[in-house]
């Protein structure tokens, strides 16, 4: 698969009026036409997915009350993509143990997804899957999430962590040649869930059981309490 450097330009010259700039229309992560924004509600999506070998309708709202790892991959029957999908599928129980589900999405049809799943892994297929594969045949979901490459007809390797309230908490965007880490994705979900529950913040490289940091206001409140209650 050819390497492509994502377009980072957010303005372009409007040729109809010399010297005038207009908003770039290419729906990449840095362009204003994409609807995804961290700390804002994740863009709605719905479509047909392959789940347990069957076609089923699936939508973002189905995951209300749970965290969701929603990731895009370029195309079925490629090379890096199956390593990512199989890795997430084989370890999905680790995400489910912390109230998190995983959904993979590409611009291929549900029929192509099913054919890939039905192909043995030794022959370049996925084999049995424990996560849904969502079809984005119209490319609308990919555009809303800012991952669609208009000139290539498929997506970048975008990964989105959506919390149990439907809010987008994290975005990872890889260029085509490099896959993503299940370990790092799991760590990030654990970190966001910890901050949700405890109100503390997680420093770089934080893992469950590591020290966290109390925000300044929280530290000040603890200091005042200790001063007024020296014996607990």
C-alpha atoms as a PDB file:
ATOM      1  CA  UNK A   1       0.000   0.000   0.000  1.00  0.00           C
ATOM      2  CA  UNK A   2       1.478   3.355  -1.013  1.00  0.00           C
ATOM      3  CA  UNK A   3       2.500   5.748   1.724  1.00  0.00           C
ATOM      4  CA  UNK A   4       0.624   9.018   1.918  1.00  0.00           C
ATOM      5  CA  UNK A   5       1.457  12.032   4.033  1.00  0.00           C
ATOM      6  CA  UNK A   6      -1.779  13.480   5.474  1.00  0.00           C
ATOM      7  CA  UNK A   7      -2.723  16.947   4.312  1.00  0.00           C
ATOM      8  CA  UNK A   8      -2.248  19.407   7.171  1.00  0.00           C
ATOM      9  CA  UNK A   9      -3.375  22.518   5.320  1.00  0.00           C
ATOM     10  CA  UNK A  10      -6.589  23.991   6.691  1.00  0.00           C
ATOM     11  CA  UNK A  11      -7.010  26.872   4.244  1.00  0.00           C
ATOM     12  CA  UNK A  12      -6.690  27.186   0.511  1.00  0.00           C
ATOM     13  CA  UNK A  13      -6.864  29.938  -2.045  1.00  0.00           C
ATOM     14  CA  UNK A  14     -10.319  30.632  -3.419  1.00  0.00           C
ATOM     15  CA  UNK A  15      -9.589  30.890  -7.146  1.00  0.00           C
ATOM     16  CA  UNK A  16     -12.864  32.697  -7.789  1.00  0.00           C
ATOM     17  CA  UNK A  17     -11.634  35.690  -5.777  1.00  0.00           C
ATOM     18  CA  UNK A  18      -7.860  36.345  -6.041  1.00  0.00           C
ATOM     19  CA  UNK A  19      -6.096  36.384  -2.688  1.00  0.00           C
ATOM     20  CA  UNK A  20      -9.097  35.103  -0.761  1.00  0.00           C
ATOM     21  CA  UNK A  21      -8.773  32.017   1.433  1.00  0.00           C
ATOM     22  CA  UNK A  22     -11.565  29.572   2.128  1.00  0.00           C
ATOM     23  CA  UNK A  23     -11.903  26.671   4.532  1.00  0.00           C
ATOM     24  CA  UNK A  24     -10.332  23.470   3.233  1.00  0.00           C
ATOM     25  CA  UNK A  25     -12.917  20.837   2.366  1.00  0.00           C
ATOM     26  CA  UNK A  26     -10.724  17.752   2.705  1.00  0.00           C
ATOM     27  CA  UNK A  27     -12.028  15.761   5.675  1.00  0.00           C
ATOM     28  CA  UNK A  28      -8.778  14.942   7.459  1.00  0.00           C
ATOM     29  CA  UNK A  29      -8.266  15.244  11.188  1.00  0.00           C
ATOM     30  CA  UNK A  30      -6.912  18.793  10.974  1.00  0.00           C
ATOM     31  CA  UNK A  31      -9.673  20.101   8.739  1.00  0.00           C
ATOM     32  CA  UNK A  32     -12.720  21.918  10.040  1.00  0.00           C
ATOM     33  CA  UNK A  33     -15.137  19.860   7.925  1.00  0.00           C
ATOM     34  CA  UNK A  34     -14.694  16.805  10.176  1.00  0.00           C
ATOM     35  CA  UNK A  35     -17.143  16.539  13.081  1.00  0.00           C
ATOM     36  CA  UNK A  36     -14.932  14.870  15.678  1.00  0.00           C
ATOM     37  CA  UNK A  37     -13.586  16.934  18.590  1.00  0.00           C
ATOM     38  CA  UNK A  38     -12.060  15.637  21.789  1.00  0.00           C
ATOM     39  CA  UNK A  39     -14.216  16.408  24.862  1.00  0.00           C
ATOM     40  CA  UNK A  40     -17.301  16.797  22.641  1.00  0.00           C
ATOM     41  CA  UNK A  41     -19.979  14.214  21.774  1.00  0.00           C
ATOM     42  CA  UNK A  42     -18.673  11.669  19.281  1.00  0.00           C
ATOM     43  CA  UNK A  43     -20.261  11.878  15.811  1.00  0.00           C
ATOM     44  CA  UNK A  44     -23.270   9.595  15.458  1.00  0.00           C
ATOM     45  CA  UNK A  45     -22.835   6.541  13.288  1.00  0.00           C
ATOM     46  CA  UNK A  46     -24.917   3.581  12.266  1.00  0.00           C
ATOM     47  CA  UNK A  47     -24.577   0.865   9.663  1.00  0.00           C
ATOM     48  CA  UNK A  48     -24.395  -2.827   8.909  1.00  0.00           C
ATOM     49  CA  UNK A  49     -21.772  -4.874  10.708  1.00  0.00           C
ATOM     50  CA  UNK A  50     -20.665  -8.479  10.711  1.00  0.00           C
ATOM     51  CA  UNK A  51     -21.170  -9.845  14.229  1.00  0.00           C
ATOM     52  CA  UNK A  52     -20.665 -13.528  14.997  1.00  0.00           C
ATOM     53  CA  UNK A  53     -20.817 -14.302  11.278  1.00  0.00           C
ATOM     54  CA  UNK A  54     -24.135 -12.513  10.697  1.00  0.00           C
ATOM     55  CA  UNK A  55     -25.212  -9.143   9.310  1.00  0.00           C
ATOM     56  CA  UNK A  56     -26.640  -6.892  12.007  1.00  0.00           C
ATOM     57  CA  UNK A  57     -27.499  -3.208  12.232  1.00  0.00           C
ATOM     58  CA  UNK A  58     -25.265  -1.382  14.668  1.00  0.00           C
ATOM     59  CA  UNK A  59     -25.127   2.205  15.950  1.00  0.00           C
ATOM     60  CA  UNK A  60     -23.132   4.276  18.401  1.00  0.00           C
ATOM     61  CA  UNK A  61     -26.098   4.542  20.774  1.00  0.00           C
ATOM     62  CA  UNK A  62     -25.949   0.767  21.287  1.00  0.00           C
ATOM     63  CA  UNK A  63     -22.879   1.372  23.440  1.00  0.00           C
ATOM     64  CA  UNK A  64     -24.373   3.944  25.784  1.00  0.00           C
ATOM     65  CA  UNK A  65     -23.185   3.236  29.313  1.00  0.00           C
ATOM     66  CA  UNK A  66     -19.965   1.619  28.081  1.00  0.00           C
ATOM     67  CA  UNK A  67     -16.626   2.823  26.819  1.00  0.00           C
ATOM     68  CA  UNK A  68     -16.005   2.150  23.128  1.00  0.00           C
ATOM     69  CA  UNK A  69     -12.779   1.757  21.177  1.00  0.00           C
ATOM     70  CA  UNK A  70     -13.814   2.616  17.621  1.00  0.00           C
ATOM     71  CA  UNK A  71     -11.068   2.188  15.055  1.00  0.00           C
ATOM     72  CA  UNK A  72     -10.769   2.530  11.298  1.00  0.00           C
ATOM     73  CA  UNK A  73      -8.475   0.533   9.050  1.00  0.00           C
ATOM     74  CA  UNK A  74      -7.830   1.120   5.318  1.00  0.00           C
ATOM     75  CA  UNK A  75      -9.070  -2.020   3.526  1.00  0.00           C
ATOM     76  CA  UNK A  76      -9.938  -5.686   3.858  1.00  0.00           C
ATOM     77  CA  UNK A  77      -7.537  -8.305   2.469  1.00  0.00           C
ATOM     78  CA  UNK A  78      -4.447  -6.182   3.104  1.00  0.00           C
ATOM     79  CA  UNK A  79      -1.354  -6.738   5.238  1.00  0.00           C
ATOM     80  CA  UNK A  80      -1.058  -4.546   8.344  1.00  0.00           C
ATOM     81  CA  UNK A  81      -4.818  -4.389   8.912  1.00  0.00           C
ATOM     82  CA  UNK A  82      -5.322  -8.042   9.896  1.00  0.00           C
ATOM     83  CA  UNK A  83      -2.549  -7.826  12.483  1.00  0.00           C
ATOM     84  CA  UNK A  84      -4.407  -4.991  14.210  1.00  0.00           C
ATOM     85  CA  UNK A  85      -7.892  -6.477  13.930  1.00  0.00           C
ATOM     86  CA  UNK A  86      -6.830  -9.918  15.118  1.00  0.00           C
ATOM     87  CA  UNK A  87      -4.866  -8.415  18.017  1.00  0.00           C
ATOM     88  CA  UNK A  88      -7.896  -6.434  19.235  1.00  0.00           C
ATOM     89  CA  UNK A  89     -10.227  -9.382  18.697  1.00  0.00           C
ATOM     90  CA  UNK A  90      -8.006 -11.833  20.556  1.00  0.00           C
ATOM     91  CA  UNK A  91      -7.780  -9.480  23.544  1.00  0.00           C
ATOM     92  CA  UNK A  92     -11.263  -8.003  23.547  1.00  0.00           C
ATOM     93  CA  UNK A  93     -12.003  -9.809  26.833  1.00  0.00           C
ATOM     94  CA  UNK A  94      -9.511  -7.477  28.534  1.00  0.00           C
ATOM     95  CA  UNK A  95     -11.535  -4.486  27.359  1.00  0.00           C
ATOM     96  CA  UNK A  96     -14.859  -6.090  28.213  1.00  0.00           C
ATOM     97  CA  UNK A  97     -13.586  -6.716  31.747  1.00  0.00           C
ATOM     98  CA  UNK A  98     -13.491  -2.926  32.205  1.00  0.00           C
ATOM     99  CA  UNK A  99     -16.876  -2.214  30.591  1.00  0.00           C
ATOM    100  CA  UNK A 100     -15.423  -1.439  27.171  1.00  0.00           C
ATOM    101  CA  UNK A 101     -16.272  -2.747  23.699  1.00  0.00           C
ATOM    102  CA  UNK A 102     -14.289  -2.625  20.461  1.00  0.00           C
ATOM    103  CA  UNK A 103     -15.613  -1.997  16.927  1.00  0.00           C
ATOM    104  CA  UNK A 104     -13.555  -1.972  13.714  1.00  0.00           C
ATOM    105  CA  UNK A 105     -14.667  -0.093  10.599  1.00  0.00           C
ATOM    106  CA  UNK A 106     -13.605   0.246   6.962  1.00  0.00           C
ATOM    107  CA  UNK A 107     -15.102   1.397   3.673  1.00  0.00           C
ATOM    108  CA  UNK A 108     -15.542  -2.206   2.499  1.00  0.00           C
ATOM    109  CA  UNK A 109     -19.005  -3.762   2.255  1.00  0.00           C
ATOM    110  CA  UNK A 110     -20.370  -6.162   4.847  1.00  0.00           C
ATOM    111  CA  UNK A 111     -20.094  -8.898   2.206  1.00  0.00           C
ATOM    112  CA  UNK A 112     -16.364  -8.304   1.841  1.00  0.00           C
ATOM    113  CA  UNK A 113     -16.015  -8.270   5.628  1.00  0.00           C
ATOM    114  CA  UNK A 114     -17.744 -11.640   5.836  1.00  0.00           C
ATOM    115  CA  UNK A 115     -15.611 -13.115   3.057  1.00  0.00           C
ATOM    116  CA  UNK A 116     -12.468 -11.981   4.881  1.00  0.00           C
ATOM    117  CA  UNK A 117     -13.691 -13.456   8.168  1.00  0.00           C
ATOM    118  CA  UNK A 118     -14.505 -16.745   6.443  1.00  0.00           C
ATOM    119  CA  UNK A 119     -10.990 -16.946   5.026  1.00  0.00           C
ATOM    120  CA  UNK A 120      -8.590 -18.890   7.305  1.00  0.00           C
ATOM    121  CA  UNK A 121      -5.808 -16.881   8.908  1.00  0.00           C
ATOM    122  CA  UNK A 122      -3.166 -19.053   7.260  1.00  0.00           C
ATOM    123  CA  UNK A 123      -4.556 -17.881   3.918  1.00  0.00           C
ATOM    124  CA  UNK A 124      -4.553 -14.178   4.788  1.00  0.00           C
ATOM    125  CA  UNK A 125      -8.016 -14.074   6.341  1.00  0.00           C
ATOM    126  CA  UNK A 126      -9.242 -13.035   9.765  1.00  0.00           C
ATOM    127  CA  UNK A 127     -10.853 -16.258  10.900  1.00  0.00           C
ATOM    128  CA  UNK A 128     -13.394 -16.119  13.709  1.00  0.00           C
ATOM    129  CA  UNK A 129     -13.872 -12.612  15.069  1.00  0.00           C
ATOM    130  CA  UNK A 130     -14.908 -11.530  18.559  1.00  0.00           C
ATOM    131  CA  UNK A 131     -15.453  -7.895  17.567  1.00  0.00           C
ATOM    132  CA  UNK A 132     -17.875  -6.348  15.030  1.00  0.00           C
ATOM    133  CA  UNK A 133     -16.631  -5.244  11.616  1.00  0.00           C
ATOM    134  CA  UNK A 134     -18.686  -2.246  10.515  1.00  0.00           C
ATOM    135  CA  UNK A 135     -19.222  -1.322   6.863  1.00  0.00           C
ATOM    136  CA  UNK A 136     -18.908   2.318   5.804  1.00  0.00           C
ATOM    137  CA  UNK A 137     -19.649   1.863   2.119  1.00  0.00           C
ATOM    138  CA  UNK A 138     -20.891   5.460   1.712  1.00  0.00           C
ATOM    139  CA  UNK A 139     -17.739   6.829   3.416  1.00  0.00           C
ATOM    140  CA  UNK A 140     -19.908   9.120   5.557  1.00  0.00           C
ATOM    141  CA  UNK A 141     -18.722   7.746   8.902  1.00  0.00           C
ATOM    142  CA  UNK A 142     -15.099   8.021   7.806  1.00  0.00           C
ATOM    143  CA  UNK A 143     -15.615  11.624   6.740  1.00  0.00           C
ATOM    144  CA  UNK A 144     -17.410  12.544   9.960  1.00  0.00           C
ATOM    145  CA  UNK A 145     -14.486  11.161  11.933  1.00  0.00           C
ATOM    146  CA  UNK A 146     -11.916  12.916   9.740  1.00  0.00           C
ATOM    147  CA  UNK A 147     -10.064   9.817   8.534  1.00  0.00           C
ATOM    148  CA  UNK A 148     -11.155   9.506   4.898  1.00  0.00           C
ATOM    149  CA  UNK A 149      -8.519   9.958   2.179  1.00  0.00           C
ATOM    150  CA  UNK A 150     -10.447  11.379  -0.741  1.00  0.00           C
ATOM    151  CA  UNK A 151      -7.690  10.736  -3.254  1.00  0.00           C
ATOM    152  CA  UNK A 152      -7.293   7.076  -2.273  1.00  0.00           C
ATOM    153  CA  UNK A 153     -10.849   6.022  -1.466  1.00  0.00           C
ATOM    154  CA  UNK A 154     -10.080   4.594   1.959  1.00  0.00           C
ATOM    155  CA  UNK A 155      -9.109   5.731   5.446  1.00  0.00           C
ATOM    156  CA  UNK A 156      -6.119   6.419   7.619  1.00  0.00           C
ATOM    157  CA  UNK A 157      -5.615   4.301  10.726  1.00  0.00           C
ATOM    158  CA  UNK A 158      -7.770   6.344  13.085  1.00  0.00           C
ATOM    159  CA  UNK A 159      -8.663   5.174  16.585  1.00  0.00           C
ATOM    160  CA  UNK A 160     -11.185   6.877  18.848  1.00  0.00           C
ATOM    161  CA  UNK A 161     -11.915   6.288  22.527  1.00  0.00           C
ATOM    162  CA  UNK A 162     -15.521   7.205  23.348  1.00  0.00           C
ATOM    163  CA  UNK A 163     -16.641   7.180  26.968  1.00  0.00           C
ATOM    164  CA  UNK A 164     -19.792   5.813  28.576  1.00  0.00           C
ATOM    165  CA  UNK A 165     -21.582   9.130  28.023  1.00  0.00           C
ATOM    166  CA  UNK A 166     -20.787   9.224  24.305  1.00  0.00           C
ATOM    167  CA  UNK A 167     -18.036  11.840  24.651  1.00  0.00           C
ATOM    168  CA  UNK A 168     -14.907  11.550  22.520  1.00  0.00           C
ATOM    169  CA  UNK A 169     -11.930  11.346  24.880  1.00  0.00           C
ATOM    170  CA  UNK A 170      -8.961  10.470  22.683  1.00  0.00           C
ATOM    171  CA  UNK A 171      -7.881  10.318  19.036  1.00  0.00           C
ATOM    172  CA  UNK A 172      -4.972   8.373  17.567  1.00  0.00           C
ATOM    173  CA  UNK A 173      -4.186   8.859  13.880  1.00  0.00           C
ATOM    174  CA  UNK A 174      -1.542   6.771  12.116  1.00  0.00           C
ATOM    175  CA  UNK A 175      -0.277   7.026   8.574  1.00  0.00           C
ATOM    176  CA  UNK A 176      -0.825   3.874   6.542  1.00  0.00           C
ATOM    177  CA  UNK A 177       2.386   1.858   7.107  1.00  0.00           C
ATOM    178  CA  UNK A 178       2.246   1.583  10.919  1.00  0.00           C
ATOM    179  CA  UNK A 179      -0.253  -0.356  13.025  1.00  0.00           C
ATOM    180  CA  UNK A 180      -1.551   0.517  16.486  1.00  0.00           C
ATOM    181  CA  UNK A 181      -0.866  -0.877  19.944  1.00  0.00           C
ATOM    182  CA  UNK A 182      -3.502  -2.825  21.866  1.00  0.00           C
ATOM    183  CA  UNK A 183      -1.491  -2.350  25.069  1.00  0.00           C
ATOM    184  CA  UNK A 184      -1.440   1.435  24.728  1.00  0.00           C
ATOM    185  CA  UNK A 185      -5.125   1.589  23.835  1.00  0.00           C
ATOM    186  CA  UNK A 186      -6.012  -0.479  26.897  1.00  0.00           C
ATOM    187  CA  UNK A 187      -3.815   1.731  29.090  1.00  0.00           C
ATOM    188  CA  UNK A 188      -5.531   4.869  27.835  1.00  0.00           C
ATOM    189  CA  UNK A 189      -8.999   3.476  28.516  1.00  0.00           C
ATOM    190  CA  UNK A 190      -7.921   2.502  32.030  1.00  0.00           C
ATOM    191  CA  UNK A 191      -6.485   5.971  32.608  1.00  0.00           C
ATOM    192  CA  UNK A 192      -9.616   7.799  31.458  1.00  0.00           C
ATOM    193  CA  UNK A 193     -11.808   5.537  33.554  1.00  0.00           C
ATOM    194  CA  UNK A 194      -9.615   6.173  36.594  1.00  0.00           C
ATOM    195  CA  UNK A 195      -9.865   9.934  36.205  1.00  0.00           C
ATOM    196  CA  UNK A 196     -13.634   9.652  35.724  1.00  0.00           C
ATOM    197  CA  UNK A 197     -13.975   7.767  38.980  1.00  0.00           C
ATOM    198  CA  UNK A 198     -11.419   9.484  41.202  1.00  0.00           C
ATOM    199  CA  UNK A 199     -11.102  13.005  39.799  1.00  0.00           C
ATOM    200  CA  UNK A 200      -7.315  12.775  39.785  1.00  0.00           C
ATOM    201  CA  UNK A 201      -5.075  13.143  36.747  1.00  0.00           C
ATOM    202  CA  UNK A 202      -2.709  10.550  35.290  1.00  0.00           C
ATOM    203  CA  UNK A 203       0.897  11.486  34.448  1.00  0.00           C
ATOM    204  CA  UNK A 204       2.806  10.214  31.425  1.00  0.00           C
ATOM    205  CA  UNK A 205       3.072   6.448  31.241  1.00  0.00           C
ATOM    206  CA  UNK A 206       0.514   5.906  34.002  1.00  0.00           C
ATOM    207  CA  UNK A 207      -0.675   2.343  34.551  1.00  0.00           C
ATOM    208  CA  UNK A 208      -3.181   0.939  37.053  1.00  0.00           C
ATOM    209  CA  UNK A 209      -1.591   0.969  40.497  1.00  0.00           C
ATOM    210  CA  UNK A 210       0.793   3.823  39.669  1.00  0.00           C
ATOM    211  CA  UNK A 211       0.730   7.190  41.421  1.00  0.00           C
ATOM    212  CA  UNK A 212      -1.646   9.847  40.158  1.00  0.00           C
ATOM    213  CA  UNK A 213      -1.663  13.618  40.636  1.00  0.00           C
ATOM    214  CA  UNK A 214      -4.300  15.601  42.482  1.00  0.00           C
ATOM    215  CA  UNK A 215      -5.359  18.820  40.724  1.00  0.00           C
ATOM    216  CA  UNK A 216      -4.180  22.005  42.551  1.00  0.00           C
ATOM    217  CA  UNK A 217      -7.625  22.783  44.003  1.00  0.00           C
ATOM    218  CA  UNK A 218      -7.931  19.255  45.333  1.00  0.00           C
ATOM    219  CA  UNK A 219      -4.456  19.445  46.882  1.00  0.00           C
ATOM    220  CA  UNK A 220      -5.306  22.767  48.510  1.00  0.00           C
ATOM    221  CA  UNK A 221      -8.502  21.338  49.945  1.00  0.00           C
ATOM    222  CA  UNK A 222      -6.550  18.401  51.370  1.00  0.00           C
ATOM    223  CA  UNK A 223      -4.034  20.793  52.944  1.00  0.00           C
ATOM    224  CA  UNK A 224      -6.778  22.889  54.556  1.00  0.00           C
ATOM    225  CA  UNK A 225      -8.468  19.769  55.888  1.00  0.00           C
ATOM    226  CA  UNK A 226      -5.201  18.473  57.356  1.00  0.00           C
ATOM    227  CA  UNK A 227      -4.504  21.825  59.012  1.00  0.00           C
ATOM    228  CA  UNK A 228      -7.944  21.900  60.622  1.00  0.00           C
ATOM    229  CA  UNK A 229      -7.973  18.209  61.529  1.00  0.00           C
ATOM    230  CA  UNK A 230      -4.425  17.397  62.672  1.00  0.00           C
ATOM    231  CA  UNK A 231      -5.523  14.089  64.162  1.00  0.00           C
ATOM    232  CA  UNK A 232      -7.598  12.919  61.193  1.00  0.00           C
END
